[in-house]
Protein backbone atom coordinates (compact mmCIF):
# COMPACT_ATOMS: atom_id res chain seq x y z
CA MET A 1 68.51 100.46 97.97
CA ASN A 2 70.42 102.13 95.18
CA LEU A 3 73.99 101.01 94.55
CA ILE A 4 76.50 103.77 93.88
CA LEU A 5 80.14 103.56 92.91
CA ALA A 6 81.99 106.56 94.37
CA SER A 7 84.78 106.73 91.81
CA SER A 8 86.04 108.50 88.73
CA SER A 9 87.85 105.36 87.56
CA PRO A 10 86.59 103.82 84.32
CA TYR A 11 88.41 100.63 85.33
CA ARG A 12 86.43 100.29 88.57
CA ARG A 13 83.22 101.01 86.67
CA GLU A 14 84.06 98.26 84.17
CA LEU A 15 84.83 95.79 86.97
CA LEU A 16 81.58 96.52 88.80
CA MET A 17 79.65 95.96 85.56
CA ARG A 18 80.84 92.34 85.67
CA LEU A 19 78.48 91.73 88.60
CA MET A 20 75.48 92.52 86.36
CA ILE A 21 73.66 94.60 88.96
CA PRO A 22 72.46 98.15 88.28
CA PHE A 23 74.49 100.97 89.79
CA ASP A 24 75.14 104.67 89.43
CA VAL A 25 78.47 106.44 89.47
CA VAL A 26 79.12 109.57 91.49
CA VAL A 27 82.57 111.12 91.55
CA PRO A 28 83.55 112.09 95.10
CA ASP A 29 85.44 115.32 95.72
CA VAL A 30 87.98 114.40 98.39
CA ASP A 31 91.52 115.42 99.27
CA GLU A 32 93.72 112.37 98.69
CA THR A 33 96.82 113.79 100.36
CA PRO A 34 98.43 111.28 102.73
CA LEU A 35 98.49 112.25 106.40
CA PRO A 36 101.89 112.59 108.11
CA ASP A 37 103.33 109.13 108.91
CA GLU A 38 100.26 107.39 107.43
CA THR A 39 101.00 103.86 106.23
CA PRO A 40 99.94 102.88 102.71
CA GLN A 41 97.35 100.50 104.19
CA ALA A 42 95.88 103.17 106.46
CA LEU A 43 95.84 105.67 103.58
CA VAL A 44 93.85 103.47 101.19
CA GLU A 45 91.38 102.41 103.86
CA ARG A 46 90.82 105.99 105.00
CA LEU A 47 90.35 107.23 101.44
CA ALA A 48 88.00 104.39 100.47
CA ILE A 49 85.81 105.16 103.49
CA LEU A 50 86.01 108.92 102.90
CA LYS A 51 84.98 108.58 99.25
CA ALA A 52 82.02 106.36 100.13
CA GLN A 53 80.91 108.52 103.07
CA THR A 54 81.20 111.72 101.03
CA VAL A 55 78.82 110.36 98.40
CA ALA A 56 76.57 108.67 100.99
CA SER A 57 76.07 112.01 102.76
CA THR A 58 74.15 113.34 99.75
CA HIS A 59 72.36 110.15 98.68
CA THR A 60 69.71 108.60 100.88
CA ASN A 61 68.75 104.95 100.69
CA ALA A 62 72.01 103.91 99.03
CA LEU A 63 74.84 101.47 99.37
CA VAL A 64 77.96 103.36 98.36
CA ILE A 65 81.20 101.70 97.28
CA GLY A 66 84.50 103.49 97.81
CA SER A 67 87.90 102.24 96.77
CA ASP A 68 91.46 103.51 96.65
CA GLN A 69 94.72 101.86 95.65
CA VAL A 70 98.43 102.45 95.99
CA ALA A 71 101.41 100.53 94.71
CA VAL A 72 104.28 100.06 97.16
CA GLN A 73 107.83 99.15 96.24
CA ASN A 74 110.62 98.92 98.80
CA GLY A 75 108.31 100.45 101.41
CA LYS A 76 107.51 103.56 99.34
CA ILE A 77 104.34 104.49 97.52
CA VAL A 78 104.73 104.45 93.74
CA GLY A 79 102.20 106.80 92.21
CA LYS A 80 100.96 107.48 88.72
CA PRO A 81 103.90 108.50 86.55
CA LEU A 82 102.03 111.08 84.41
CA THR A 83 105.09 111.43 82.13
CA HIS A 84 107.07 109.07 79.93
CA GLU A 85 110.29 109.79 81.82
CA ARG A 86 108.80 108.94 85.20
CA ALA A 87 107.22 105.78 83.76
CA VAL A 88 110.64 104.65 82.51
CA GLU A 89 112.11 105.25 85.98
CA GLN A 90 109.29 103.34 87.67
CA LEU A 91 109.59 100.33 85.39
CA LYS A 92 113.38 100.22 85.65
CA SER A 93 113.02 100.25 89.42
CA ALA A 94 110.33 97.54 89.36
CA SER A 95 112.32 95.27 87.02
CA GLY A 96 112.96 91.92 88.71
CA SER A 97 111.18 92.90 91.92
CA THR A 98 107.78 92.63 93.57
CA VAL A 99 105.38 95.53 93.96
CA ILE A 100 102.56 95.24 96.49
CA LEU A 101 99.24 96.79 95.61
CA TYR A 102 97.11 97.80 98.58
CA THR A 103 93.46 98.35 97.72
CA GLY A 104 91.13 99.90 100.25
CA LEU A 105 87.50 98.88 99.84
CA ALA A 106 84.55 100.37 101.70
CA LEU A 107 80.80 99.91 101.56
CA VAL A 108 78.67 102.51 103.33
CA ASN A 109 74.95 102.17 104.01
CA SER A 110 73.64 105.74 103.83
CA LEU A 111 70.53 104.84 105.87
CA SER A 112 72.14 103.05 108.80
CA GLY A 113 75.58 104.65 108.58
CA LEU A 114 77.14 101.18 108.74
CA VAL A 115 80.64 101.09 107.27
CA GLN A 116 82.35 97.91 106.11
CA SER A 117 85.96 98.26 105.06
CA GLU A 118 89.00 96.14 104.25
CA VAL A 119 92.46 96.51 102.81
CA VAL A 120 93.28 93.85 100.24
CA PRO A 121 96.96 93.26 99.37
CA TYR A 122 98.11 91.85 96.04
CA GLY A 123 101.66 91.11 94.93
CA VAL A 124 102.84 91.73 91.39
CA THR A 125 106.30 90.41 90.46
CA PHE A 126 107.97 91.94 87.43
CA ARG A 127 110.24 90.10 85.01
CA ALA A 128 113.78 91.39 84.53
CA LEU A 129 113.13 94.06 81.90
CA THR A 130 115.42 95.51 79.25
CA GLU A 131 115.33 99.18 78.32
CA LEU A 132 114.00 98.19 74.89
CA GLN A 133 111.12 96.22 76.45
CA ILE A 134 110.25 99.16 78.68
CA GLU A 135 110.30 101.63 75.77
CA ASN A 136 108.27 99.32 73.50
CA TYR A 137 105.69 98.78 76.22
CA LEU A 138 105.33 102.46 77.06
CA ARG A 139 104.97 103.46 73.38
CA LYS A 140 102.20 100.89 72.87
CA GLU A 141 100.28 101.11 76.18
CA GLN A 142 100.99 104.65 77.48
CA PRO A 143 99.98 103.77 81.08
CA TYR A 144 100.80 107.23 82.44
CA HIS A 145 97.69 107.38 84.62
CA CYS A 146 98.22 103.94 86.18
CA ALA A 147 100.00 103.44 89.49
CA GLY A 148 103.41 101.90 88.86
CA SER A 149 103.17 102.48 85.08
CA VAL A 150 101.58 99.13 84.29
CA LYS A 151 98.16 98.00 83.09
CA SER A 152 98.06 94.30 83.87
CA GLU A 153 94.70 93.96 82.14
CA GLY A 154 96.39 94.99 78.89
CA LEU A 155 99.84 94.59 77.40
CA GLY A 156 101.38 95.17 80.83
CA VAL A 157 100.94 91.47 81.54
CA ALA A 158 103.98 90.93 79.27
CA LEU A 159 106.11 92.73 81.88
CA LEU A 160 105.06 90.44 84.69
CA GLU A 161 106.33 87.16 86.10
CA ARG A 162 103.73 86.36 88.75
CA PHE A 163 100.65 87.51 90.64
CA ASP A 164 100.13 86.71 94.32
CA GLY A 165 96.68 87.32 95.74
CA GLU A 166 93.14 86.10 96.22
CA ASP A 167 91.23 88.12 93.64
CA PRO A 168 92.67 89.18 90.27
CA ALA A 169 90.20 92.09 90.09
CA THR A 170 92.15 93.64 92.97
CA VAL A 171 95.01 94.44 90.59
CA ILE A 172 92.69 96.66 88.56
CA GLY A 173 91.37 98.45 91.64
CA LEU A 174 88.17 96.83 92.92
CA PRO A 175 88.33 93.54 94.90
CA LEU A 176 85.11 91.96 93.65
CA ILE A 177 85.21 88.86 95.85
CA ARG A 178 85.35 90.99 99.02
CA LEU A 179 82.79 93.42 97.61
CA ILE A 180 80.30 90.60 96.95
CA ARG A 181 80.58 89.53 100.60
CA MET A 182 80.01 93.11 101.78
CA LEU A 183 76.96 93.48 99.53
CA GLU A 184 75.56 90.19 100.84
CA ASN A 185 76.05 91.46 104.41
CA GLU A 186 73.69 94.29 103.42
CA GLY A 187 71.14 91.89 101.92
CA LEU A 188 72.07 92.46 98.27
CA ALA A 189 72.68 89.09 96.64
CA VAL A 190 74.66 89.19 93.40
CA ILE A 191 73.46 85.76 92.30
C-alpha cells in the first residue's frame, strides 16, 4: 500500500522522513473551524480523521496519515499568532506557565475504511521570560506560523523550562511513536 501524509506542514513531512519509509504528500482541503462547544481534544481528533479521510477518498490502496494540533493555555486554544504583536502577547501570557499541546493523529486505510485515531497530549513549561528575551527571540526565529509562537525544535527551546510527554516528536506535530504502532497494526513495519 502507498503511504500518504495528508498535510501541508513541512515540519510533519520532515518528521515522517525520519522513519525512512517512502511516502507521498497530499494537502487536504478541509474546513478547520471548531464546532460549537467542541473541546480541543475533540477538535484535533476530528480534524486529523477528516484530513486523512478526505485524502483517502481519492487515493485507493493507501494508508493515509492525518494530524492536527492545538496549543491550550488556561483552558483556551492558543493559535498561530501571524503577527509580531500577537506573538509578543502569547509569549508574555505563556511566561512561567505550562501550555498543553494536543495532537490528533489518524491513520486511515483507504481499502478497508479502517480508522485508527488518538489524541496525544504534551506539556510545555515556559521559563519566566523578560520582554527583552521575548523580543530577541521573535526577531531571530519569527515563529508567526507556529501555535503559541514557539518553535521548540529551534531557538524556542531557550524559552522553555521543561517538557512533559512520551514522544518529543509530538511537540512538532506528529507523534511518531504512536504512528509506528498504527502502521504496524496495518502490517507496515518501520524496522
